[in-house]
Amino acid sequence: MYQFEKMDKKLLGDRIEDGLMRYILEEPVEVGQKIPNEFDLARRFGVGRSTIREAVKGLVSKGILEVRRGSGTYVVSTCLPDNDPLGLSKLQDKYKLALELFDVRLMLEPEIAAQAAEYATEEDLRQLQQLRDEVERLYRSGEDHIPKDIEFHTCIARCSRNRVVEMLVPIINTAVMTFANLTHRMLMNETILGEPFVALLIATVAAMLILGIGHGYNTEELEKIMTKSLEPTGLILLVTACGGVLRYVLQYSGLGDVIGNAVASMSLPLVVLAFIVAALVRICVGSATVAMTMAAGIVAAIPGIGDLSPLYLACTTAAVAGGATVCSHFNDSGFWLVKSLVGMDEKTTLKTWTIMETLVGATGFVVALILSFFA
């Protein structure tokens, strides 16, 4: 029997709560099992039923117990609150939880690492390097690397010289533990083999061996075939990369804000403005995705857009899509893809593909504009 001194009620309730938690862990009472009733617990701990009720309420509030009316009190978690400060163990979808915790790490850890890089001493850096090497060694040898990984992240937080950051360490540690438990040892495969460039490289090498060498082609013939096949791809990649660079130039130079302010001062209907902005970005950048993203951001910044009707917003969205479709030309990777696959020259592709894309985008815009008059 658990014995406790008769102290003031609040302190006694806390002690009984701790004792009940120890009882659950030491018996042990598994998750989903029912704990004894109030009479048995009162006799076991040598206190009154009201004190037992107070202890049960405390563990219910911490997510350890659950009272089911007409059935009894059941254990729903055996994770101590100190080890789960945010109550994450109560969330059912562990896969979604792991991904969300991973997002939190992406939000926090780069800035924490930047602070640590600024304030870490030589001794701190040596310790970090030692922990990094130890984590990698344990991971590659198949041993349990999680405790050492947590120690590594804790050291980074400490190097930031920020007390609040050190208080966030349990969140990061929980993220590390949850993600590791969920993915087990598939993380290396997902990180390396799941990379698009690595996967494409493996596929290309496999095709060379199976479809090339395996069918009697020698290395010289295979080199000619691969060179001819990769020529149009290189141009497409170059144009796409340049479009991506131009996107960030427009974004970080503040041109988006300039366009947004200029557009807001114009007296044209919002649907027309959305089409014009998307079309201008499309012509400059080439990427339809970039054009839609930037145009949507600029239009969303226009004052009063939140007061418009859903139908008018839908028409505005369609206008953005139309503007991002028109005028596919030399800076659009789709232009070169169609040219290469169909076997046309640049002039013919402009006469066919570019005109078709422009007609598609313009038709969508006209329909959206007409519908906006009834919104």
Protein backbone atom coordinates (compact mmCIF):
# COMPACT_ATOMS: atom_id res chain seq x y z
CA MET A 1 0.00 0.00 0.00
CA TYR A 2 1.21 3.49 -0.84
CA GLN A 3 1.33 5.67 2.31
CA PHE A 4 1.33 9.48 2.37
CA GLU A 5 1.35 11.94 5.22
CA LYS A 6 -1.77 14.02 5.75
CA MET A 7 -0.54 17.36 4.49
CA ASP A 8 -2.59 20.24 3.06
CA LYS A 9 -5.06 19.14 0.40
CA LYS A 10 -3.34 20.71 -2.61
CA LEU A 11 0.06 19.23 -1.84
CA LEU A 12 -1.45 15.86 -0.99
CA GLY A 13 -3.34 15.84 -4.28
CA ASP A 14 -0.13 16.47 -6.18
CA ARG A 15 1.62 13.68 -4.31
CA ILE A 16 -1.22 11.25 -5.02
CA GLU A 17 -1.17 12.27 -8.67
CA ASP A 18 2.55 11.46 -8.85
CA GLY A 19 1.96 8.19 -7.02
CA LEU A 20 -0.85 7.21 -9.38
CA MET A 21 1.42 7.93 -12.34
CA ARG A 22 4.13 5.72 -10.80
CA TYR A 23 1.56 3.00 -10.20
CA ILE A 24 0.53 3.08 -13.89
CA LEU A 25 4.15 2.81 -15.00
CA GLU A 26 5.29 0.22 -12.46
CA GLU A 27 2.38 -2.25 -12.55
CA PRO A 28 2.38 -1.65 -15.52
CA VAL A 29 -1.09 -0.61 -16.72
CA GLU A 30 -0.92 -0.68 -20.52
CA VAL A 31 -2.54 1.84 -22.82
CA GLY A 32 -6.19 0.90 -23.31
CA GLN A 33 -6.45 -0.89 -19.95
CA LYS A 34 -8.69 0.20 -17.13
CA ILE A 35 -7.33 1.37 -13.79
CA PRO A 36 -8.92 0.26 -10.48
CA ASN A 37 -12.01 2.12 -9.25
CA GLU A 38 -11.98 4.93 -6.71
CA PHE A 39 -12.61 2.62 -3.73
CA ASP A 40 -9.64 0.37 -4.58
CA LEU A 41 -7.33 3.32 -5.29
CA ALA A 42 -8.36 5.08 -2.06
CA ARG A 43 -7.61 1.92 -0.08
CA ARG A 44 -4.34 1.36 -1.96
CA PHE A 45 -3.05 4.91 -1.34
CA GLY A 46 -4.64 5.34 2.09
CA VAL A 47 -6.51 8.54 1.23
CA GLY A 48 -10.09 9.62 0.63
CA ARG A 49 -12.02 9.26 -2.61
CA SER A 50 -12.07 13.04 -3.17
CA THR A 51 -8.26 13.09 -3.24
CA ILE A 52 -8.26 10.22 -5.76
CA ARG A 53 -10.72 12.16 -7.94
CA GLU A 54 -8.42 15.18 -7.83
CA ALA A 55 -5.43 13.07 -8.88
CA VAL A 56 -7.40 11.45 -11.70
CA LYS A 57 -8.51 14.86 -12.97
CA GLY A 58 -4.89 15.98 -12.99
CA LEU A 59 -3.81 13.00 -15.12
CA VAL A 60 -6.83 13.44 -17.39
CA SER A 61 -5.79 17.05 -18.05
CA LYS A 62 -2.29 15.80 -18.96
CA GLY A 63 -3.62 13.24 -21.42
CA ILE A 64 -2.64 10.18 -19.36
CA LEU A 65 -6.15 9.04 -18.38
CA GLU A 66 -9.57 9.19 -19.98
CA VAL A 67 -12.84 8.88 -18.05
CA ARG A 68 -15.49 6.97 -19.99
CA ARG A 69 -18.91 7.49 -18.50
CA GLY A 70 -20.49 4.24 -17.37
CA SER A 71 -17.35 2.25 -18.13
CA GLY A 72 -14.51 3.51 -15.95
CA THR A 73 -11.16 5.29 -16.24
CA TYR A 74 -8.70 4.09 -18.88
CA VAL A 75 -5.05 4.74 -19.64
CA VAL A 76 -4.67 6.51 -23.00
CA SER A 77 -0.95 7.36 -22.75
CA THR A 78 2.00 6.44 -20.59
CA CYS A 79 4.24 9.24 -21.85
CA LEU A 80 5.21 11.48 -18.96
CA PRO A 81 4.40 15.17 -19.50
CA ASP A 82 8.04 16.13 -18.92
CA ASN A 83 9.02 13.97 -21.90
CA ASP A 84 6.17 15.32 -24.01
CA PRO A 85 5.83 19.02 -23.14
CA LEU A 86 3.57 19.77 -26.11
CA GLY A 87 1.29 16.76 -25.73
CA LEU A 88 2.25 15.46 -29.17
CA SER A 89 1.79 11.84 -28.07
CA LYS A 90 -1.98 12.42 -28.11
CA LEU A 91 -2.02 13.09 -31.86
CA GLN A 92 -3.12 9.96 -33.70
CA ASP A 93 -1.70 10.46 -37.22
CA LYS A 94 1.99 9.89 -36.51
CA TYR A 95 3.03 10.14 -40.16
CA LYS A 96 1.45 13.58 -40.52
CA LEU A 97 2.93 14.57 -37.15
CA ALA A 98 6.41 13.57 -38.32
CA LEU A 99 6.11 15.67 -41.47
CA GLU A 100 4.78 18.67 -39.54
CA LEU A 101 7.59 18.39 -37.01
CA PHE A 102 10.04 18.20 -39.89
CA ASP A 103 8.55 21.45 -41.24
CA VAL A 104 9.04 23.03 -37.81
CA ARG A 105 12.68 21.97 -37.87
CA LEU A 106 13.11 23.60 -41.30
CA MET A 107 11.65 26.81 -39.86
CA LEU A 108 13.80 26.87 -36.73
CA GLU A 109 17.09 25.08 -37.29
CA PRO A 110 18.61 27.17 -40.14
CA GLU A 111 18.29 30.34 -38.04
CA ILE A 112 19.53 28.55 -34.92
CA ALA A 113 22.52 27.24 -36.88
CA ALA A 114 23.22 30.75 -38.20
CA GLN A 115 23.23 32.10 -34.65
CA ALA A 116 25.47 29.24 -33.53
CA ALA A 117 27.90 29.93 -36.38
CA GLU A 118 28.17 33.53 -35.21
CA TYR A 119 28.65 32.91 -31.50
CA ALA A 120 30.28 29.47 -31.26
CA THR A 121 33.79 29.30 -29.83
CA GLU A 122 36.62 27.16 -31.14
CA GLU A 123 35.86 24.61 -28.44
CA ASP A 124 32.18 24.58 -29.46
CA LEU A 125 33.13 23.94 -33.07
CA ARG A 126 35.40 21.06 -32.12
CA GLN A 127 32.61 19.51 -30.06
CA LEU A 128 30.11 19.91 -32.91
CA GLN A 129 32.47 18.28 -35.39
CA GLN A 130 33.07 15.41 -32.98
CA LEU A 131 29.34 14.88 -32.46
CA ARG A 132 28.68 15.10 -36.20
CA ASP A 133 31.28 12.45 -36.96
CA GLU A 134 29.94 10.23 -34.19
CA VAL A 135 26.35 10.48 -35.45
CA GLU A 136 27.44 9.63 -38.99
CA ARG A 137 29.52 6.68 -37.78
CA LEU A 138 26.66 5.24 -35.71
CA TYR A 139 24.17 5.74 -38.54
CA ARG A 140 26.32 4.07 -41.18
CA SER A 141 27.11 1.14 -38.90
CA GLY A 142 23.43 0.52 -38.21
CA GLU A 143 23.67 1.37 -34.51
CA ASP A 144 21.24 3.54 -32.56
CA HIS A 145 22.29 7.09 -33.45
CA ILE A 146 19.26 8.95 -32.07
CA PRO A 147 20.63 9.86 -28.59
CA LYS A 148 23.84 11.19 -30.14
CA ASP A 149 21.84 13.04 -32.82
CA ILE A 150 19.76 14.72 -30.11
CA GLU A 151 22.99 15.64 -28.30
CA PHE A 152 24.24 17.19 -31.55
CA HIS A 153 21.14 19.39 -31.98
CA THR A 154 21.23 20.36 -28.31
CA CYS A 155 24.83 21.48 -28.73
CA ILE A 156 23.89 23.64 -31.74
CA ALA A 157 21.13 25.29 -29.68
CA ARG A 158 23.54 25.92 -26.82
CA CYS A 159 26.06 27.49 -29.21
CA SER A 160 23.46 30.06 -30.27
CA ARG A 161 23.82 31.65 -26.81
CA ASN A 162 20.05 32.21 -26.74
CA ARG A 163 18.19 30.97 -23.67
CA VAL A 164 14.83 30.82 -25.46
CA VAL A 165 16.35 28.66 -28.19
CA GLU A 166 17.63 26.25 -25.55
CA MET A 167 14.05 26.00 -24.24
CA LEU A 168 12.93 24.99 -27.76
CA VAL A 169 15.33 22.04 -27.79
CA PRO A 170 12.64 19.58 -26.53
CA ILE A 171 10.55 20.42 -29.61
CA ILE A 172 13.47 19.72 -31.93
CA ASN A 173 14.38 16.56 -30.01
CA THR A 174 10.79 15.34 -30.27
CA ALA A 175 10.89 16.02 -34.01
CA VAL A 176 14.12 14.06 -34.40
CA MET A 177 12.82 11.13 -32.35
CA THR A 178 9.40 10.97 -34.04
CA PHE A 179 10.79 11.22 -37.56
CA ALA A 180 13.45 8.61 -36.85
CA ASN A 181 10.98 6.18 -35.27
CA LEU A 182 8.60 6.57 -38.18
CA THR A 183 11.06 6.25 -41.03
CA HIS A 184 13.32 3.73 -39.24
CA ARG A 185 16.37 3.30 -41.48
CA MET A 186 14.72 4.26 -44.76
CA LEU A 187 15.89 7.87 -44.37
CA MET A 188 19.17 7.34 -46.21
CA ASN A 189 17.44 5.69 -49.17
CA GLU A 190 14.77 8.39 -49.30
CA THR A 191 17.37 11.14 -49.09
CA ILE A 192 19.81 9.79 -51.67
CA LEU A 193 17.87 7.56 -54.06
CA GLY A 194 14.74 9.73 -53.85
CA GLU A 195 16.52 12.80 -55.18
CA PRO A 196 15.21 13.52 -58.72
CA PHE A 197 18.68 14.04 -60.19
CA VAL A 198 20.02 10.84 -58.65
CA ALA A 199 16.97 8.86 -59.78
CA LEU A 200 17.26 10.20 -63.33
CA LEU A 201 20.98 9.44 -63.41
CA ILE A 202 20.38 5.86 -62.27
CA ALA A 203 17.63 5.45 -64.90
CA THR A 204 19.90 6.82 -67.63
CA VAL A 205 22.79 4.51 -66.71
CA ALA A 206 20.40 1.53 -66.52
CA ALA A 207 19.02 2.40 -69.97
CA MET A 208 22.55 2.61 -71.38
CA LEU A 209 23.43 -0.80 -70.00
CA ILE A 210 20.19 -2.66 -70.71
CA LEU A 211 18.97 -1.03 -73.93
CA GLY A 212 22.40 -0.11 -75.28
CA ILE A 213 25.15 -2.55 -74.30
CA GLY A 214 22.59 -5.33 -73.83
CA HIS A 215 21.42 -4.99 -77.45
CA GLY A 216 24.86 -5.06 -79.02
CA TYR A 217 25.74 -1.35 -79.24
CA ASN A 218 29.39 -0.56 -78.68
CA THR A 219 30.53 2.43 -76.62
CA GLU A 220 31.12 4.69 -79.64
CA GLU A 221 27.63 4.06 -81.05
CA LEU A 222 26.13 4.54 -77.61
CA GLU A 223 27.98 7.84 -77.19
CA LYS A 224 26.56 9.17 -80.47
CA ILE A 225 23.04 8.13 -79.52
CA MET A 226 23.27 9.70 -76.07
CA THR A 227 24.78 12.92 -77.44
CA LYS A 228 22.02 13.30 -80.01
CA SER A 229 19.36 12.58 -77.38
CA LEU A 230 20.72 15.01 -74.79
CA GLU A 231 21.29 17.97 -77.14
CA PRO A 232 17.70 19.34 -76.96
CA THR A 233 17.50 18.52 -73.25
CA GLY A 234 20.49 20.71 -72.47
CA LEU A 235 18.89 23.69 -74.19
CA ILE A 236 15.62 23.13 -72.32
CA LEU A 237 17.44 22.95 -68.99
CA LEU A 238 19.37 26.12 -69.82
CA VAL A 239 16.22 28.08 -70.67
CA THR A 240 14.38 26.77 -67.61
CA ALA A 241 17.27 27.67 -65.32
CA CYS A 242 17.49 31.17 -66.79
CA GLY A 243 13.76 31.60 -66.27
CA GLY A 244 14.12 30.55 -62.64
CA VAL A 245 16.98 33.00 -62.11
CA LEU A 246 14.97 35.81 -63.68
CA ARG A 247 12.07 34.97 -61.40
CA TYR A 248 14.21 35.53 -58.30
CA VAL A 249 15.66 38.71 -59.82
CA LEU A 250 12.12 40.05 -60.24
CA GLN A 251 11.11 38.86 -56.79
CA TYR A 252 14.07 40.13 -54.74
CA SER A 253 14.56 43.35 -56.68
CA GLY A 254 11.13 44.50 -55.53
CA LEU A 255 9.74 44.65 -59.06
CA GLY A 256 6.68 42.71 -57.91
CA ASP A 257 5.79 45.48 -55.47
CA VAL A 258 6.36 48.10 -58.14
CA ILE A 259 4.04 46.29 -60.54
CA GLY A 260 1.45 45.77 -57.78
CA ASN A 261 1.41 49.48 -56.90
CA ALA A 262 1.21 50.47 -60.54
CA VAL A 263 -1.61 48.03 -61.19
CA ALA A 264 -3.54 49.20 -58.13
CA SER A 265 -3.54 52.76 -59.47
CA MET A 266 -5.02 51.77 -62.85
CA SER A 267 -8.75 52.05 -63.47
CA LEU A 268 -9.08 48.79 -65.40
CA PRO A 269 -11.25 45.91 -64.12
CA LEU A 270 -9.39 43.49 -61.85
CA VAL A 271 -9.88 40.60 -64.29
CA VAL A 272 -8.16 42.59 -67.04
CA LEU A 273 -5.34 43.62 -64.72
CA ALA A 274 -4.79 40.02 -63.64
CA PHE A 275 -4.52 38.92 -67.27
CA ILE A 276 -2.11 41.72 -68.20
CA VAL A 277 0.21 41.09 -65.23
CA ALA A 278 0.31 37.34 -65.83
CA ALA A 279 0.91 37.83 -69.55
CA LEU A 280 3.76 40.29 -68.95
CA VAL A 281 5.50 37.94 -66.53
CA ARG A 282 4.92 35.03 -68.90
CA ILE A 283 6.51 36.92 -71.80
CA CYS A 284 9.48 38.02 -69.68
CA VAL A 285 10.14 34.82 -67.73
CA GLY A 286 8.70 32.09 -69.96
CA SER A 287 7.53 29.80 -67.16
CA ALA A 288 3.76 29.52 -66.83
CA THR A 289 4.10 28.40 -63.21
CA VAL A 290 6.23 31.43 -62.31
CA ALA A 291 3.84 33.73 -64.17
CA MET A 292 0.81 32.39 -62.29
CA THR A 293 2.57 32.50 -58.93
CA MET A 294 3.86 36.04 -59.30
CA ALA A 295 0.63 37.36 -60.82
CA ALA A 296 -1.45 35.77 -58.06
CA GLY A 297 0.78 37.35 -55.42
CA ILE A 298 0.56 40.79 -57.04
CA VAL A 299 -3.21 40.62 -57.49
CA ALA A 300 -3.69 39.36 -53.92
CA ALA A 301 -1.90 42.47 -52.63
CA ILE A 302 -4.40 44.83 -54.28
CA PRO A 303 -6.56 46.57 -51.62
CA GLY A 304 -10.18 45.44 -51.33
CA ILE A 305 -9.78 42.13 -53.10
CA GLY A 306 -11.09 40.28 -50.04
CA ASP A 307 -14.49 41.96 -50.44
CA LEU A 308 -15.12 40.57 -53.93
CA SER A 309 -17.63 37.78 -54.60
CA PRO A 310 -16.45 34.18 -55.03
CA LEU A 311 -17.52 34.19 -58.69
CA TYR A 312 -15.47 37.32 -59.43
CA LEU A 313 -12.45 35.80 -57.68
CA ALA A 314 -12.89 32.67 -59.80
CA CYS A 315 -12.94 34.81 -62.94
CA THR A 316 -9.78 36.60 -61.75
CA THR A 317 -8.09 33.23 -61.23
CA ALA A 318 -9.08 32.13 -64.72
CA ALA A 319 -7.68 35.40 -66.12
CA VAL A 320 -4.36 34.76 -64.36
CA ALA A 321 -4.26 31.26 -65.87
CA GLY A 322 -5.05 32.68 -69.32
CA GLY A 323 -2.34 35.30 -69.06
CA ALA A 324 0.19 32.68 -67.96
CA THR A 325 -0.62 30.59 -71.05
CA VAL A 326 -0.25 33.10 -73.90
CA CYS A 327 2.88 33.87 -75.92
CA SER A 328 4.93 30.73 -75.37
CA HIS A 329 8.19 31.53 -77.15
CA PHE A 330 11.97 31.08 -76.91
CA ASN A 331 12.30 31.45 -73.13
CA ASP A 332 9.67 28.77 -72.44
CA SER A 333 10.98 25.23 -71.98
CA GLY A 334 7.67 23.91 -73.32
CA PHE A 335 8.37 25.67 -76.62
CA TRP A 336 11.65 23.79 -77.07
CA LEU A 337 10.14 20.53 -75.88
CA VAL A 338 7.41 20.68 -78.53
CA LYS A 339 9.93 21.74 -81.18
CA SER A 340 12.20 18.80 -80.36
CA LEU A 341 9.51 16.16 -80.06
CA VAL A 342 7.62 17.17 -83.23
CA GLY A 343 10.77 17.91 -85.21
CA MET A 344 9.83 21.45 -86.29
CA ASP A 345 12.10 24.44 -86.69
CA GLU A 346 11.76 27.60 -84.58
CA LYS A 347 9.76 29.52 -87.19
CA THR A 348 7.20 26.74 -87.61
CA THR A 349 6.90 26.28 -83.84
CA LEU A 350 6.16 30.00 -83.44
CA LYS A 351 3.48 29.80 -86.15
CA THR A 352 1.79 26.75 -84.61
CA TRP A 353 2.51 26.19 -80.91
CA THR A 354 2.82 29.85 -79.90
CA ILE A 355 -0.34 30.87 -81.74
CA MET A 356 -2.27 27.91 -80.31
CA GLU A 357 -1.19 28.72 -76.73
CA THR A 358 -2.08 32.39 -77.25
CA LEU A 359 -5.54 31.47 -78.55
CA VAL A 360 -6.13 29.14 -75.61
CA GLY A 361 -5.10 31.77 -73.05
CA ALA A 362 -6.96 34.60 -74.77
CA THR A 363 -10.16 32.54 -75.08
CA GLY A 364 -10.05 31.68 -71.38
CA PHE A 365 -9.57 35.36 -70.55
CA VAL A 366 -12.49 36.48 -72.71
CA VAL A 367 -14.80 33.91 -71.11
CA ALA A 368 -13.65 35.00 -67.62
CA LEU A 369 -14.19 38.67 -68.51
CA ILE A 370 -17.74 38.02 -69.74
CA LEU A 371 -18.62 36.02 -66.64
CA SER A 372 -17.18 38.73 -64.38
CA PHE A 373 -19.86 41.16 -65.57
CA PHE A 374 -22.47 38.95 -63.89
CA ALA A 375 -20.52 38.46 -60.66
